[in-house]
């Protein structure tokens, strides 16, 4: 019976699935972003996020436990070194899945999965959004009224300058 076996088996036996997810996790740690199918990315997130969470506490026990899953010394160094410093104050949600469309050959839904703190474009966009106004009203703040009046005054000054130039040109012709 299949009681409480709701995770995606991905069409593979347990050994093959575990090896594939471990290899994908190692690639994700090394490259910070990998392209894959959506079901594999969702399974990878469930597999990798607890391991990434372990990296916050750099102890021998945690290193050994994560090594028992990944079996790669370079990935463990990277995870407990650089990555753990970046995720130190994050409570969870270390991975982001962004769908990219469908594969041409078999029509499989593809995506890329990445470490959240390593996409500089998304980080800068998030900071810019926070500074924008969220309240909507018909009245303009006092600063915007002054800015709106300034261009009108500038246009009036330009018009006066043009009139003065025309007047000087007319005087030059008269002489």
Protein backbone atom coordinates (compact mmCIF):
# COMPACT_ATOMS: atom_id res chain seq x y z
CA UNK A 1 0.00 0.00 0.00
CA UNK A 2 1.07 3.60 -0.61
CA UNK A 3 -0.02 5.17 2.67
CA UNK A 4 1.77 8.51 3.34
CA UNK A 5 3.97 8.25 0.24
CA UNK A 6 2.96 11.50 -1.43
CA UNK A 7 6.34 12.69 -2.73
CA UNK A 8 7.11 12.49 -6.45
CA UNK A 9 8.97 9.28 -7.34
CA UNK A 10 10.09 10.81 -10.67
CA UNK A 11 9.77 7.44 -12.45
CA UNK A 12 12.86 6.05 -10.69
CA UNK A 13 13.72 3.55 -7.97
CA UNK A 14 14.87 4.86 -4.59
CA UNK A 15 18.61 4.46 -5.19
CA UNK A 16 18.50 6.15 -8.56
CA UNK A 17 16.33 8.98 -7.23
CA UNK A 18 18.61 9.61 -4.23
CA UNK A 19 21.73 9.63 -6.41
CA UNK A 20 20.12 12.01 -8.91
CA UNK A 21 18.97 14.44 -6.20
CA UNK A 22 22.39 14.36 -4.52
CA UNK A 23 24.12 15.10 -7.84
CA UNK A 24 21.68 17.91 -8.58
CA UNK A 25 22.26 19.38 -5.11
CA UNK A 26 26.04 19.31 -5.64
CA UNK A 27 25.63 21.05 -9.01
CA UNK A 28 23.33 23.63 -7.44
CA UNK A 29 25.85 24.38 -4.68
CA UNK A 30 28.73 24.69 -7.15
CA UNK A 31 26.97 26.68 -9.87
CA UNK A 32 24.29 28.52 -7.81
CA UNK A 33 21.72 27.88 -10.60
CA UNK A 34 20.76 24.84 -12.66
CA UNK A 35 18.26 24.24 -15.45
CA UNK A 36 15.96 21.23 -15.10
CA UNK A 37 12.33 20.15 -15.34
CA UNK A 38 9.72 21.48 -12.93
CA UNK A 39 8.99 18.16 -11.12
CA UNK A 40 12.73 17.55 -10.56
CA UNK A 41 13.17 21.11 -9.27
CA UNK A 42 10.32 20.71 -6.80
CA UNK A 43 11.75 17.40 -5.58
CA UNK A 44 15.21 19.00 -5.35
CA UNK A 45 13.88 21.86 -3.22
CA UNK A 46 12.45 19.36 -0.70
CA UNK A 47 15.78 17.48 -0.68
CA UNK A 48 18.23 20.41 -0.61
CA UNK A 49 16.64 23.01 1.69
CA UNK A 50 17.06 20.95 4.90
CA UNK A 51 20.72 20.37 3.97
CA UNK A 52 21.24 24.09 3.35
CA UNK A 53 19.54 24.84 6.68
CA UNK A 54 22.04 22.54 8.43
CA UNK A 55 24.89 24.68 7.07
CA UNK A 56 23.89 27.58 9.34
CA UNK A 57 25.38 25.75 12.33
CA UNK A 58 28.93 24.80 11.36
CA UNK A 59 29.59 21.81 13.60
CA UNK A 60 31.31 18.51 12.94
CA UNK A 61 28.05 16.63 13.38
CA UNK A 62 26.26 18.78 10.79
CA UNK A 63 29.16 18.49 8.34
CA UNK A 64 29.15 14.70 8.67
CA UNK A 65 25.39 14.49 8.28
CA UNK A 66 25.38 16.63 5.12
CA UNK A 67 28.39 14.70 3.78
CA UNK A 68 26.44 11.43 4.24
CA UNK A 69 23.90 12.79 1.73
CA UNK A 70 26.19 14.52 -0.77
CA UNK A 71 29.55 12.65 -0.66
CA UNK A 72 31.47 15.63 -2.09
CA UNK A 73 34.08 17.50 -0.04
CA UNK A 74 34.21 20.58 -2.31
CA UNK A 75 30.44 21.02 -2.14
CA UNK A 76 30.54 20.73 1.67
CA UNK A 77 33.28 23.38 1.87
CA UNK A 78 31.31 25.73 -0.36
CA UNK A 79 28.06 25.09 1.53
CA UNK A 80 29.48 25.59 5.03
CA UNK A 81 31.73 28.46 3.93
CA UNK A 82 30.41 31.05 1.50
CA UNK A 83 26.76 29.96 1.25
CA UNK A 84 26.22 29.68 5.01
CA UNK A 85 27.41 33.27 5.50
CA UNK A 86 24.92 34.58 2.93
CA UNK A 87 21.95 32.67 4.36
CA UNK A 88 22.79 33.26 8.03
CA UNK A 89 19.88 35.62 8.72
CA UNK A 90 17.33 33.98 6.37
CA UNK A 91 14.69 31.83 8.07
CA UNK A 92 13.95 29.59 5.10
CA UNK A 93 13.16 29.64 1.41
CA UNK A 94 16.74 29.34 0.24
CA UNK A 95 15.82 28.22 -3.28
CA UNK A 96 13.77 29.89 -6.02
CA UNK A 97 12.13 28.09 -8.96
CA UNK A 98 11.46 30.15 -12.10
CA UNK A 99 9.62 28.46 -14.98
CA UNK A 100 11.15 28.96 -18.42
CA UNK A 101 8.65 27.28 -20.76
CA UNK A 102 8.52 23.90 -22.44
CA UNK A 103 11.26 21.74 -23.91
CA UNK A 104 11.09 21.36 -27.67
CA UNK A 105 11.73 17.61 -27.88
CA UNK A 106 9.23 16.16 -25.43
CA UNK A 107 7.25 19.21 -24.26
CA UNK A 108 8.40 18.88 -20.65
CA UNK A 109 7.92 21.97 -18.48
CA UNK A 110 11.38 23.40 -17.80
CA UNK A 111 12.64 25.85 -15.20
CA UNK A 112 15.74 26.91 -13.41
CA UNK A 113 16.27 26.58 -9.70
CA UNK A 114 18.69 28.93 -7.98
CA UNK A 115 19.93 30.02 -4.59
CA UNK A 116 17.93 33.13 -3.65
CA UNK A 117 20.81 35.20 -2.26
CA UNK A 118 22.95 34.82 -5.39
CA UNK A 119 20.74 36.46 -8.05
CA UNK A 120 21.99 40.06 -7.98
CA UNK A 121 19.36 41.27 -10.48
CA UNK A 122 16.46 40.11 -8.30
CA UNK A 123 18.10 41.49 -5.15
CA UNK A 124 18.50 44.97 -6.66
CA UNK A 125 14.94 44.94 -8.04
CA UNK A 126 13.59 44.03 -4.59
CA UNK A 127 15.38 46.98 -2.96
CA UNK A 128 14.02 49.43 -5.54
CA UNK A 129 10.44 48.24 -5.06
CA UNK A 130 10.51 48.83 -1.32
CA UNK A 131 11.26 52.53 -1.78
CA UNK A 132 8.28 53.17 -4.07
CA UNK A 133 5.04 54.67 -2.77
CA UNK A 134 2.23 52.21 -2.20
CA UNK A 135 -0.53 54.59 -1.17
CA UNK A 136 -2.78 55.88 -3.91
CA UNK A 137 -4.44 59.25 -3.63
CA UNK A 138 -5.55 62.00 -5.97
CA UNK A 139 -3.75 64.75 -4.06
CA UNK A 140 -0.12 65.30 -4.92
CA UNK A 141 2.33 65.78 -2.04
CA UNK A 142 3.77 69.26 -1.51
CA UNK A 143 7.10 68.31 -3.14
CA UNK A 144 5.40 67.20 -6.35
CA UNK A 145 3.38 70.45 -6.55
CA UNK A 146 6.59 72.49 -6.43
CA UNK A 147 8.15 70.25 -9.12
CA UNK A 148 5.05 70.59 -11.29
CA UNK A 149 5.12 74.39 -10.98
CA UNK A 150 8.84 74.59 -11.76
CA UNK A 151 8.56 73.46 -15.42
CA UNK A 152 5.83 76.05 -16.05
CA UNK A 153 8.04 78.79 -14.63
CA UNK A 154 10.96 77.57 -16.75
CA UNK A 155 8.80 77.73 -19.89
CA UNK A 156 7.82 81.32 -19.06
CA UNK A 157 11.49 82.30 -18.64
CA UNK A 158 12.33 80.69 -22.01
CA UNK A 159 9.48 82.57 -23.69
CA UNK A 160 10.76 85.89 -22.26
CA UNK A 161 14.29 85.09 -23.50
CA UNK A 162 12.98 84.35 -27.00
CA UNK A 163 11.06 87.66 -27.02
CA UNK A 164 14.19 89.53 -25.91
CA UNK A 165 16.25 87.87 -28.68
CA UNK A 166 13.60 88.80 -31.28
CA UNK A 167 13.58 92.38 -30.04
CA UNK A 168 17.37 92.62 -30.28
CA UNK A 169 17.29 91.12 -33.76
CA UNK A 170 14.65 93.68 -34.84
CA UNK A 171 16.80 96.54 -33.47
CA UNK A 172 19.83 95.21 -35.37
CA UNK A 173 17.81 95.22 -38.61
CA UNK A 174 16.58 98.76 -37.98
CA UNK A 175 20.14 100.06 -37.65
